[in-house]
Amino acid sequence: MGVDHVVLLSQLMIEEVAILVTPVLAVTLVISLLINIVQVVTSLQDQMLSAVPRLLATGAALFFLMPWMWRHLAHYSIGVLGDFHQVLK
């Protein structure tokens, strides 16, 4: 296996991670911004008020996006392992 093939596999893996993580991070970012705006407007600075909704939103995003994430990861794995005979050369 050449260096070019290793670089290509690494690049594909990093792209796949970015695709899978982006929706969850976007949900967390939006919820965090909304909570921060509410805290600034109401002058509430309680840490629990900011942590609990973020955790719940991230958990809900993971729960609802998990089927899509599994399908996407399965297609990626099949694609990588389908060309595995080239790696063994």
N, C-alpha and C. Protein backbone atom coordinates (compact mmCIF):
# COMPACT_ATOMS: atom_id res chain seq x y z
N MET A 1 0.85 -1.17 0.00
CA MET A 1 0.00 0.00 0.00
C MET A 1 0.90 1.23 0.00
N GLY A 2 0.63 2.10 -0.93
CA GLY A 2 1.45 3.29 -1.06
C GLY A 2 0.99 4.42 -0.16
N VAL A 3 1.83 5.42 -0.12
CA VAL A 3 1.54 6.60 0.70
C VAL A 3 0.29 7.31 0.18
N ASP A 4 0.13 7.35 -1.15
CA ASP A 4 -1.04 8.01 -1.73
C ASP A 4 -2.34 7.37 -1.26
N HIS A 5 -2.33 6.05 -1.17
CA HIS A 5 -3.54 5.34 -0.75
C HIS A 5 -3.85 5.60 0.73
N VAL A 6 -2.81 5.66 1.55
CA VAL A 6 -2.99 5.96 2.97
C VAL A 6 -3.54 7.38 3.14
N VAL A 7 -3.03 8.31 2.38
CA VAL A 7 -3.50 9.70 2.45
C VAL A 7 -4.95 9.78 2.00
N LEU A 8 -5.30 9.05 0.94
CA LEU A 8 -6.68 9.05 0.45
C LEU A 8 -7.63 8.46 1.49
N LEU A 9 -7.25 7.34 2.11
CA LEU A 9 -8.09 6.74 3.14
C LEU A 9 -8.25 7.67 4.34
N SER A 10 -7.19 8.35 4.72
CA SER A 10 -7.25 9.30 5.83
C SER A 10 -8.15 10.48 5.50
N GLN A 11 -8.05 10.97 4.29
CA GLN A 11 -8.88 12.09 3.86
C GLN A 11 -10.35 11.69 3.85
N LEU A 12 -10.66 10.50 3.35
CA LEU A 12 -12.04 10.03 3.33
C LEU A 12 -12.58 9.87 4.75
N MET A 13 -11.75 9.38 5.65
CA MET A 13 -12.18 9.20 7.03
C MET A 13 -12.48 10.55 7.70
N ILE A 14 -11.62 11.52 7.49
CA ILE A 14 -11.83 12.84 8.08
C ILE A 14 -13.09 13.50 7.51
N GLU A 15 -13.31 13.35 6.22
CA GLU A 15 -14.54 13.88 5.61
C GLU A 15 -15.78 13.21 6.19
N GLU A 16 -15.71 11.91 6.40
CA GLU A 16 -16.84 11.17 6.96
C GLU A 16 -17.14 11.62 8.38
N VAL A 17 -16.12 11.82 9.17
CA VAL A 17 -16.31 12.30 10.54
C VAL A 17 -16.95 13.69 10.52
N ALA A 18 -16.49 14.54 9.63
CA ALA A 18 -17.05 15.90 9.54
C ALA A 18 -18.52 15.86 9.14
N ILE A 19 -18.86 14.98 8.20
CA ILE A 19 -20.25 14.87 7.76
C ILE A 19 -21.14 14.36 8.89
N LEU A 20 -20.65 13.40 9.66
CA LEU A 20 -21.47 12.82 10.72
C LEU A 20 -21.62 13.73 11.94
N VAL A 21 -20.63 14.53 12.22
CA VAL A 21 -20.64 15.35 13.43
C VAL A 21 -21.29 16.72 13.22
N THR A 22 -21.29 17.21 12.02
CA THR A 22 -21.77 18.56 11.74
C THR A 22 -23.21 18.81 12.19
N PRO A 23 -24.18 17.93 11.91
CA PRO A 23 -25.56 18.23 12.36
C PRO A 23 -25.70 18.32 13.88
N VAL A 24 -25.02 17.44 14.59
CA VAL A 24 -25.10 17.47 16.05
C VAL A 24 -24.47 18.74 16.60
N LEU A 25 -23.33 19.12 16.05
CA LEU A 25 -22.69 20.36 16.49
C LEU A 25 -23.53 21.59 16.14
N ALA A 26 -24.22 21.55 15.01
CA ALA A 26 -25.07 22.68 14.63
C ALA A 26 -26.23 22.84 15.60
N VAL A 27 -26.86 21.73 15.98
CA VAL A 27 -27.95 21.79 16.95
C VAL A 27 -27.45 22.33 18.28
N THR A 28 -26.32 21.84 18.72
CA THR A 28 -25.75 22.30 19.99
C THR A 28 -25.39 23.79 19.93
N LEU A 29 -24.85 24.23 18.81
CA LEU A 29 -24.50 25.64 18.65
C LEU A 29 -25.74 26.53 18.70
N VAL A 30 -26.79 26.14 17.99
CA VAL A 30 -28.01 26.95 17.97
C VAL A 30 -28.63 27.02 19.36
N ILE A 31 -28.72 25.89 20.04
CA ILE A 31 -29.29 25.89 21.39
C ILE A 31 -28.43 26.74 22.33
N SER A 32 -27.12 26.63 22.21
CA SER A 32 -26.23 27.43 23.07
C SER A 32 -26.42 28.93 22.83
N LEU A 33 -26.54 29.31 21.57
CA LEU A 33 -26.76 30.73 21.27
C LEU A 33 -28.09 31.21 21.83
N LEU A 34 -29.14 30.41 21.68
CA LEU A 34 -30.44 30.81 22.22
C LEU A 34 -30.41 30.93 23.75
N ILE A 35 -29.76 29.98 24.40
CA ILE A 35 -29.66 30.03 25.86
C ILE A 35 -28.85 31.25 26.30
N ASN A 36 -27.77 31.54 25.61
CA ASN A 36 -26.97 32.71 25.96
C ASN A 36 -27.74 34.00 25.77
N ILE A 37 -28.53 34.09 24.72
CA ILE A 37 -29.35 35.29 24.51
C ILE A 37 -30.36 35.44 25.63
N VAL A 38 -31.01 34.34 26.02
CA VAL A 38 -31.98 34.39 27.11
C VAL A 38 -31.30 34.78 28.42
N GLN A 39 -30.10 34.26 28.66
CA GLN A 39 -29.39 34.61 29.89
C GLN A 39 -28.98 36.08 29.92
N VAL A 40 -28.60 36.62 28.79
CA VAL A 40 -28.21 38.03 28.74
C VAL A 40 -29.43 38.92 28.94
N VAL A 41 -30.54 38.56 28.31
CA VAL A 41 -31.74 39.38 28.41
C VAL A 41 -32.32 39.34 29.83
N THR A 42 -32.32 38.18 30.46
CA THR A 42 -32.94 38.04 31.78
C THR A 42 -31.94 38.20 32.92
N SER A 43 -30.69 38.31 32.65
CA SER A 43 -29.62 38.43 33.65
C SER A 43 -29.54 37.22 34.57
N LEU A 44 -29.95 36.07 34.10
CA LEU A 44 -29.80 34.82 34.85
C LEU A 44 -28.46 34.20 34.47
N GLN A 45 -27.64 33.92 35.46
CA GLN A 45 -26.32 33.37 35.19
C GLN A 45 -26.13 32.00 35.83
N ASP A 46 -27.20 31.26 36.00
CA ASP A 46 -27.14 29.93 36.61
C ASP A 46 -26.52 28.94 35.62
N GLN A 47 -25.54 28.16 36.08
CA GLN A 47 -24.86 27.21 35.21
C GLN A 47 -25.78 26.06 34.81
N MET A 48 -26.67 25.65 35.69
CA MET A 48 -27.59 24.55 35.36
C MET A 48 -28.55 24.96 34.26
N LEU A 49 -28.91 26.21 34.23
CA LEU A 49 -29.81 26.70 33.20
C LEU A 49 -29.18 26.59 31.82
N SER A 50 -27.88 26.66 31.74
CA SER A 50 -27.22 26.58 30.44
C SER A 50 -26.79 25.15 30.10
N ALA A 51 -26.43 24.35 31.09
CA ALA A 51 -25.88 23.02 30.81
C ALA A 51 -26.96 22.00 30.48
N VAL A 52 -28.05 22.00 31.22
CA VAL A 52 -29.08 20.97 31.04
C VAL A 52 -29.73 21.04 29.65
N PRO A 53 -30.17 22.20 29.18
CA PRO A 53 -30.77 22.23 27.83
C PRO A 53 -29.79 21.84 26.72
N ARG A 54 -28.53 22.20 26.89
CA ARG A 54 -27.53 21.81 25.89
C ARG A 54 -27.39 20.30 25.85
N LEU A 55 -27.30 19.67 27.02
CA LEU A 55 -27.19 18.22 27.06
C LEU A 55 -28.44 17.54 26.49
N LEU A 56 -29.61 18.06 26.83
CA LEU A 56 -30.85 17.48 26.31
C LEU A 56 -30.95 17.64 24.79
N ALA A 57 -30.56 18.79 24.28
CA ALA A 57 -30.62 19.02 22.84
C ALA A 57 -29.63 18.14 22.10
N THR A 58 -28.43 18.00 22.65
CA THR A 58 -27.44 17.13 22.02
C THR A 58 -27.90 15.68 22.05
N GLY A 59 -28.45 15.24 23.17
CA GLY A 59 -28.96 13.88 23.26
C GLY A 59 -30.11 13.64 22.30
N ALA A 60 -31.01 14.60 22.19
CA ALA A 60 -32.14 14.47 21.26
C ALA A 60 -31.65 14.44 19.81
N ALA A 61 -30.69 15.29 19.49
CA ALA A 61 -30.14 15.29 18.13
C ALA A 61 -29.50 13.95 17.81
N LEU A 62 -28.74 13.41 18.75
CA LEU A 62 -28.13 12.10 18.53
C LEU A 62 -29.19 11.01 18.38
N PHE A 63 -30.23 11.09 19.20
CA PHE A 63 -31.30 10.08 19.14
C PHE A 63 -32.00 10.11 17.78
N PHE A 64 -32.36 11.29 17.30
CA PHE A 64 -33.11 11.38 16.06
C PHE A 64 -32.24 11.21 14.81
N LEU A 65 -30.96 11.56 14.90
CA LEU A 65 -30.07 11.44 13.75
C LEU A 65 -29.34 10.10 13.68
N MET A 66 -29.46 9.27 14.71
CA MET A 66 -28.72 8.03 14.76
C MET A 66 -29.02 7.09 13.58
N PRO A 67 -30.28 6.90 13.15
CA PRO A 67 -30.50 6.03 11.99
C PRO A 67 -29.77 6.53 10.73
N TRP A 68 -29.82 7.83 10.49
CA TRP A 68 -29.12 8.39 9.34
C TRP A 68 -27.62 8.20 9.49
N MET A 69 -27.10 8.40 10.70
CA MET A 69 -25.66 8.25 10.94
C MET A 69 -25.22 6.80 10.71
N TRP A 70 -26.02 5.83 11.18
CA TRP A 70 -25.68 4.42 10.98
C TRP A 70 -25.68 4.05 9.51
N ARG A 71 -26.71 4.52 8.76
CA ARG A 71 -26.75 4.23 7.32
C ARG A 71 -25.55 4.83 6.61
N HIS A 72 -25.23 6.06 6.93
CA HIS A 72 -24.11 6.74 6.29
C HIS A 72 -22.80 6.03 6.60
N LEU A 73 -22.63 5.64 7.86
CA LEU A 73 -21.42 4.94 8.26
C LEU A 73 -21.33 3.55 7.63
N ALA A 74 -22.48 2.89 7.46
CA ALA A 74 -22.49 1.57 6.81
C ALA A 74 -22.08 1.69 5.34
N HIS A 75 -22.60 2.70 4.64
CA HIS A 75 -22.21 2.90 3.24
C HIS A 75 -20.72 3.22 3.12
N TYR A 76 -20.22 4.03 4.04
CA TYR A 76 -18.79 4.35 4.04
C TYR A 76 -17.96 3.09 4.28
N SER A 77 -18.35 2.29 5.26
CA SER A 77 -17.59 1.07 5.58
C SER A 77 -17.61 0.09 4.42
N ILE A 78 -18.75 -0.08 3.79
CA ILE A 78 -18.84 -0.98 2.64
C ILE A 78 -17.97 -0.47 1.51
N GLY A 79 -17.96 0.86 1.30
CA GLY A 79 -17.12 1.43 0.25
C GLY A 79 -15.64 1.23 0.51
N VAL A 80 -15.23 1.40 1.77
CA VAL A 80 -13.80 1.24 2.10
C VAL A 80 -13.41 -0.23 2.04
N LEU A 81 -14.21 -1.09 2.63
CA LEU A 81 -13.87 -2.51 2.65
C LEU A 81 -14.08 -3.18 1.30
N GLY A 82 -14.89 -2.58 0.44
CA GLY A 82 -15.08 -3.13 -0.91
C GLY A 82 -13.84 -2.99 -1.76
N ASP A 83 -13.04 -1.99 -1.51
CA ASP A 83 -11.78 -1.77 -2.24
C ASP A 83 -10.58 -2.27 -1.45
N PHE A 84 -10.79 -3.12 -0.49
CA PHE A 84 -9.70 -3.54 0.39
C PHE A 84 -8.67 -4.41 -0.32
N HIS A 85 -9.07 -5.05 -1.43
CA HIS A 85 -8.09 -5.88 -2.15
C HIS A 85 -6.94 -5.03 -2.71
N GLN A 86 -7.19 -3.78 -2.99
CA GLN A 86 -6.13 -2.89 -3.46
C GLN A 86 -5.14 -2.57 -2.33
N VAL A 87 -5.61 -2.58 -1.10
CA VAL A 87 -4.75 -2.29 0.04
C VAL A 87 -3.76 -3.43 0.25
N LEU A 88 -4.18 -4.64 -0.01
CA LEU A 88 -3.34 -5.81 0.23
C LEU A 88 -2.23 -5.98 -0.80
N LYS A 89 -2.29 -5.26 -1.90
CA LYS A 89 -1.27 -5.39 -2.93
C LYS A 89 0.04 -4.81 -2.47
